[in-house]
Amino acid sequence: MNEYQNYKINHTLANANESNQPLIPAATVLLVRDHNSTIEVFMIKRAMKTNFGGAWVFPGGKVDSSDDIKNISKYSPLLNDEEASRRLGIKSGGLIYWTACIRECFEESGILLADDEKRKISLGSLNETEIDNINHYKKKLLDGKDVFLELIDTFDLTLSTNEIAYISHWITPKIEKRRYSTRFFIARCPNQLASHDGLEGVESRWVEPKVALDLYEAGEFPMIMPTIKNLELIKEFKNTQTLLVLMKDKSITDIPKVEPVFDVVDGKPKLVSY
């Protein structure tokens, strides 16, 4: 395998005074779909100027205060905070990760993991005006405006939290300047068009997990370790139904918290253990 540090990925490494940075809660989602008797996952190449720039990743980002929706039961009737927290192995506040996962997915891929009673969103049966309105909200979000809940209210939607499975938990190594406690989720892509935002994401593609891993081995597809390991987790599945059923059945003991250990050699990260 190509050495992790040989890829052109923008790592913002910590200095001696930044070695104990607080962990930032984050959520990432593997969007999957069925394709030719196997599965594909949606991946985005990050802009070089961003953290982990140049790497191929899944849609995701940090948890915001706006994700802490007060009357969350209205928007997530089939998954409550108690159950979400149990799945994450924490006392409370777990559902905020599902909310962040859905919001970040919409911002970075345009895929909205929410629906109305007529299932117009998931079935892709919106009219042109409705699609334009949704895209208008996405642009506002990318401009930094807190309008995600307004979008959900405007279209009278509920979040598809019960259809999203929690699959792994990764902690950014101590050598990085910005450190995240990232929960990884997996969801079936509804009948919508996925595309990168053109800001943090500069390219995007649907790819079979095995193909992505082969490209990585060949030195043609830069990825960081959590991305690699999550692709390895799903690479043998032939369809999304089987994959999601199994992942939803995972217990917290099946989902270890992983914090890779790196040294910095000649100014570049070198894996020691994970």
Protein backbone atom coordinates (compact mmCIF):
# COMPACT_ATOMS: atom_id res chain seq x y z
CA MET A 1 0.00 0.00 0.00
CA ASN A 2 1.12 3.54 -0.65
CA GLU A 3 2.28 5.24 2.53
CA TYR A 4 -0.45 7.44 3.97
CA GLN A 5 1.87 10.45 4.11
CA ASN A 6 2.81 10.25 0.41
CA TYR A 7 -0.57 11.53 -0.72
CA LYS A 8 -1.01 15.23 -1.40
CA ILE A 9 -3.44 15.95 1.42
CA ASN A 10 -3.52 19.25 3.27
CA HIS A 11 -2.87 18.40 6.92
CA THR A 12 -2.96 21.30 9.37
CA LEU A 13 -0.53 19.95 11.95
CA ALA A 14 -0.52 21.15 15.55
CA ASN A 15 2.50 22.74 17.17
CA ALA A 16 3.65 22.07 20.73
CA ASN A 17 1.23 24.65 22.15
CA GLU A 18 -1.75 23.11 20.39
CA SER A 19 -1.36 19.47 21.40
CA ASN A 20 -4.43 19.41 23.66
CA GLN A 21 -7.06 20.96 21.43
CA PRO A 22 -10.68 20.16 22.39
CA LEU A 23 -12.52 17.63 20.26
CA ILE A 24 -15.17 19.09 17.94
CA PRO A 25 -18.31 16.93 17.55
CA ALA A 26 -18.92 16.04 13.90
CA ALA A 27 -21.10 13.79 11.75
CA THR A 28 -20.41 12.17 8.38
CA VAL A 29 -22.65 10.06 6.16
CA LEU A 30 -21.92 7.36 3.60
CA LEU A 31 -24.60 7.79 0.95
CA VAL A 32 -25.05 4.48 -0.83
CA ARG A 33 -27.09 3.23 -3.78
CA ASP A 34 -27.60 -0.02 -5.67
CA HIS A 35 -25.77 -0.35 -8.98
CA ASN A 36 -25.15 -3.43 -11.16
CA SER A 37 -25.54 -6.02 -8.38
CA THR A 38 -23.28 -4.11 -6.02
CA ILE A 39 -23.31 -0.84 -4.12
CA GLU A 40 -21.83 2.55 -4.84
CA VAL A 41 -20.98 5.30 -2.38
CA PHE A 42 -20.99 9.04 -3.03
CA MET A 43 -17.62 10.70 -2.47
CA ILE A 44 -16.37 14.27 -2.64
CA LYS A 45 -12.86 15.62 -3.23
CA ARG A 46 -12.13 18.42 -0.79
CA ALA A 47 -10.73 21.75 -1.97
CA MET A 48 -7.00 21.93 -1.26
CA LYS A 49 -7.38 25.03 0.92
CA THR A 50 -9.62 23.17 3.39
CA ASN A 51 -8.61 20.83 6.20
CA PHE A 52 -7.76 17.44 4.63
CA GLY A 53 -7.80 19.27 1.31
CA GLY A 54 -7.12 17.03 -1.68
CA ALA A 55 -8.63 13.99 0.01
CA TRP A 56 -11.73 12.10 -1.16
CA VAL A 57 -14.26 12.00 1.68
CA PHE A 58 -17.94 11.48 2.47
CA PRO A 59 -20.34 14.40 3.06
CA GLY A 60 -20.10 15.67 6.61
CA GLY A 61 -18.94 18.35 9.01
CA LYS A 62 -19.08 19.66 12.54
CA VAL A 63 -22.19 19.68 14.71
CA ASP A 64 -23.67 23.19 15.00
CA SER A 65 -25.76 24.70 17.78
CA SER A 66 -28.59 24.96 15.23
CA ASP A 67 -28.69 21.15 15.06
CA ASP A 68 -29.99 21.10 18.64
CA ILE A 69 -33.65 21.41 17.64
CA LYS A 70 -35.78 22.00 20.76
CA ASN A 71 -38.99 20.32 19.61
CA ILE A 72 -37.11 17.55 17.84
CA SER A 73 -39.92 15.00 18.27
CA LYS A 74 -41.93 16.98 15.72
CA TYR A 75 -39.18 16.60 13.13
CA SER A 76 -37.98 13.11 14.11
CA PRO A 77 -41.10 11.17 15.13
CA LEU A 78 -39.57 7.72 14.59
CA LEU A 79 -36.28 8.19 16.45
CA ASN A 80 -36.11 9.96 19.81
CA ASP A 81 -33.08 11.31 21.65
CA GLU A 82 -33.08 8.52 24.20
CA GLU A 83 -32.75 5.83 21.53
CA ALA A 84 -30.26 7.84 19.47
CA SER A 85 -28.10 8.40 22.56
CA ARG A 86 -28.26 4.71 23.43
CA ARG A 87 -26.98 3.82 19.97
CA LEU A 88 -24.05 6.22 20.39
CA GLY A 89 -23.28 5.06 23.91
CA ILE A 90 -23.87 8.45 25.53
CA LYS A 91 -26.31 9.64 28.18
CA SER A 92 -28.19 12.23 26.16
CA GLY A 93 -27.98 14.57 23.18
CA GLY A 94 -27.40 11.82 20.64
CA LEU A 95 -30.05 12.89 18.17
CA ILE A 96 -28.14 16.09 17.40
CA TYR A 97 -25.63 13.96 15.45
CA TRP A 98 -28.40 12.62 13.19
CA THR A 99 -29.62 16.17 12.60
CA ALA A 100 -26.11 17.38 11.79
CA CYS A 101 -25.63 14.41 9.49
CA ILE A 102 -28.75 15.32 7.49
CA ARG A 103 -27.95 19.04 7.34
CA GLU A 104 -24.32 18.50 6.30
CA CYS A 105 -25.38 15.94 3.72
CA PHE A 106 -27.74 18.48 2.17
CA GLU A 107 -25.14 21.26 2.21
CA GLU A 108 -22.33 19.20 0.68
CA SER A 109 -24.17 16.87 -1.71
CA GLY A 110 -27.60 18.42 -2.28
CA ILE A 111 -29.23 15.22 -1.00
CA LEU A 112 -32.03 15.93 1.47
CA LEU A 113 -32.63 13.02 3.84
CA ALA A 114 -36.13 14.17 4.75
CA ASP A 115 -39.59 13.70 3.35
CA ASP A 116 -43.24 14.71 3.43
CA GLU A 117 -46.33 12.52 3.72
CA LYS A 118 -46.51 12.05 -0.05
CA ARG A 119 -42.82 11.03 -0.21
CA LYS A 120 -42.26 13.59 -2.95
CA ILE A 121 -38.68 14.26 -1.84
CA SER A 122 -37.49 10.65 -1.70
CA LEU A 123 -39.27 9.67 -4.90
CA GLY A 124 -37.90 12.66 -6.78
CA SER A 125 -41.36 13.82 -7.81
CA LEU A 126 -40.94 17.51 -7.00
CA ASN A 127 -41.91 20.05 -9.62
CA GLU A 128 -39.43 22.54 -11.02
CA THR A 129 -40.53 25.35 -8.70
CA GLU A 130 -40.15 23.15 -5.61
CA ILE A 131 -36.68 22.05 -6.71
CA ASP A 132 -35.69 25.68 -7.27
CA ASN A 133 -36.94 26.59 -3.79
CA ILE A 134 -34.96 23.79 -2.18
CA ASN A 135 -31.83 24.79 -4.09
CA HIS A 136 -32.40 28.37 -2.91
CA TYR A 137 -32.22 27.16 0.70
CA LYS A 138 -29.06 25.21 -0.05
CA LYS A 139 -27.41 28.35 -1.41
CA LYS A 140 -28.38 30.24 1.74
CA LEU A 141 -26.86 27.51 3.90
CA LEU A 142 -23.64 27.61 1.91
CA ASP A 143 -23.60 31.38 2.44
CA GLY A 144 -23.60 30.71 6.17
CA LYS A 145 -27.25 31.45 6.91
CA ASP A 146 -29.06 29.35 9.50
CA VAL A 147 -32.09 28.33 7.44
CA PHE A 148 -32.11 24.53 7.55
CA LEU A 149 -35.02 24.32 10.00
CA GLU A 150 -36.85 26.96 7.98
CA LEU A 151 -36.50 24.68 4.94
CA ILE A 152 -37.91 21.73 6.86
CA ASP A 153 -40.84 23.83 8.12
CA THR A 154 -41.56 25.39 4.72
CA PHE A 155 -41.96 21.99 3.06
CA ASP A 156 -43.57 20.42 6.17
CA LEU A 157 -40.96 17.65 6.28
CA THR A 158 -39.77 15.13 8.83
CA LEU A 159 -36.12 14.13 9.05
CA SER A 160 -35.35 10.58 7.90
CA THR A 161 -33.45 9.83 11.10
CA ASN A 162 -34.86 6.32 11.47
CA GLU A 163 -33.44 5.35 8.06
CA ILE A 164 -29.86 6.34 8.96
CA ALA A 165 -27.60 3.79 10.66
CA TYR A 166 -24.70 4.64 12.96
CA ILE A 167 -21.60 2.64 11.95
CA SER A 168 -18.35 4.00 13.42
CA HIS A 169 -16.66 6.59 15.64
CA TRP A 170 -13.29 8.14 14.81
CA ILE A 171 -11.17 10.63 16.75
CA THR A 172 -8.75 12.90 14.87
CA PRO A 173 -5.11 12.16 15.84
CA LYS A 174 -3.40 14.49 18.30
CA ILE A 175 -0.95 15.69 15.63
CA GLU A 176 -3.72 17.59 13.84
CA LYS A 177 -4.42 21.24 14.68
CA ARG A 178 -8.19 20.76 14.44
CA ARG A 179 -9.46 17.61 16.11
CA TYR A 180 -12.88 16.05 15.64
CA SER A 181 -14.93 13.39 17.36
CA THR A 182 -16.73 12.15 14.26
CA ARG A 183 -19.68 9.79 14.18
CA PHE A 184 -20.07 8.00 10.84
CA PHE A 185 -23.50 7.07 9.52
CA ILE A 186 -24.83 5.30 6.45
CA ALA A 187 -28.00 6.03 4.44
CA ARG A 188 -29.58 4.96 1.19
CA CYS A 189 -29.65 7.81 -1.31
CA PRO A 190 -33.19 8.83 -2.29
CA ASN A 191 -34.12 9.57 -5.89
CA GLN A 192 -32.26 12.88 -5.96
CA LEU A 193 -29.24 14.18 -7.85
CA ALA A 194 -26.05 14.29 -5.77
CA SER A 195 -23.37 16.85 -6.59
CA HIS A 196 -20.55 18.67 -4.79
CA ASP A 197 -21.03 22.25 -3.62
CA GLY A 198 -18.14 23.78 -5.60
CA LEU A 199 -16.75 25.39 -2.44
CA GLU A 200 -15.42 22.85 0.04
CA GLY A 201 -16.00 20.08 -2.49
CA VAL A 202 -14.44 20.50 -5.94
CA GLU A 203 -15.19 17.09 -7.47
CA SER A 204 -17.62 14.27 -6.76
CA ARG A 205 -18.40 10.81 -8.01
CA TRP A 206 -20.30 7.61 -7.29
CA VAL A 207 -17.84 4.77 -6.85
CA GLU A 208 -17.85 1.15 -5.75
CA PRO A 209 -16.01 0.79 -2.43
CA LYS A 210 -13.63 -1.82 -3.86
CA VAL A 211 -12.83 0.45 -6.82
CA ALA A 212 -12.11 3.37 -4.50
CA LEU A 213 -9.79 1.20 -2.42
CA ASP A 214 -8.00 -0.10 -5.54
CA LEU A 215 -7.52 3.46 -6.77
CA TYR A 216 -6.11 4.39 -3.38
CA GLU A 217 -3.65 1.49 -3.56
CA ALA A 218 -2.61 2.67 -7.01
CA GLY A 219 -1.88 6.15 -5.72
CA GLU A 220 -4.73 7.75 -7.69
CA PHE A 221 -7.34 8.42 -5.00
CA PRO A 222 -6.09 10.21 -1.85
CA MET A 223 -8.00 9.27 1.30
CA ILE A 224 -7.53 9.54 5.04
CA MET A 225 -7.74 6.53 7.34
CA PRO A 226 -11.36 6.83 8.56
CA THR A 227 -12.54 6.97 4.94
CA ILE A 228 -10.46 3.93 4.02
CA LYS A 229 -11.64 1.85 6.96
CA ASN A 230 -15.31 2.71 6.45
CA LEU A 231 -15.03 1.70 2.79
CA GLU A 232 -13.48 -1.59 3.90
CA LEU A 233 -16.42 -2.04 6.28
CA ILE A 234 -18.97 -1.99 3.43
CA LYS A 235 -17.01 -3.27 0.43
CA GLU A 236 -18.38 -6.85 0.40
CA PHE A 237 -22.08 -5.94 0.37
CA LYS A 238 -24.08 -6.55 -2.82
CA ASN A 239 -27.11 -4.38 -2.09
CA THR A 240 -28.13 -1.51 0.15
CA GLN A 241 -30.99 -3.35 1.82
CA THR A 242 -28.74 -6.04 3.31
CA LEU A 243 -26.14 -3.45 4.22
CA LEU A 244 -28.55 -1.19 6.09
CA VAL A 245 -30.31 -4.00 7.93
CA LEU A 246 -27.00 -5.30 9.25
CA MET A 247 -25.65 -1.88 10.15
CA LYS A 248 -28.82 -0.95 12.04
CA ASP A 249 -28.43 -4.12 14.10
CA LYS A 250 -24.96 -3.15 15.30
CA SER A 251 -24.67 -2.75 19.06
CA ILE A 252 -22.44 -0.13 20.69
CA THR A 253 -19.95 -2.88 21.57
CA ASP A 254 -19.52 -3.53 17.85
CA ILE A 255 -18.56 0.10 17.23
CA PRO A 256 -15.24 0.91 18.92
CA LYS A 257 -13.94 4.44 19.30
CA VAL A 258 -10.83 4.67 17.12
CA GLU A 259 -8.07 7.25 17.59
CA PRO A 260 -5.10 6.64 15.28
CA VAL A 261 -1.64 7.52 16.55
CA PHE A 262 0.75 9.35 14.23
CA ASP A 263 4.26 10.73 14.46
CA VAL A 264 5.44 13.65 12.37
CA VAL A 265 8.42 12.68 10.22
CA ASP A 266 10.01 15.34 8.01
CA GLY A 267 6.95 17.50 8.50
CA LYS A 268 4.51 14.77 7.39
CA PRO A 269 2.25 12.44 9.38
CA LYS A 270 3.40 8.83 9.67
CA LEU A 271 1.01 6.20 11.10
CA VAL A 272 2.17 4.45 14.26
CA SER A 273 -0.95 2.54 15.31
CA TYR A 274 -4.74 2.66 15.41
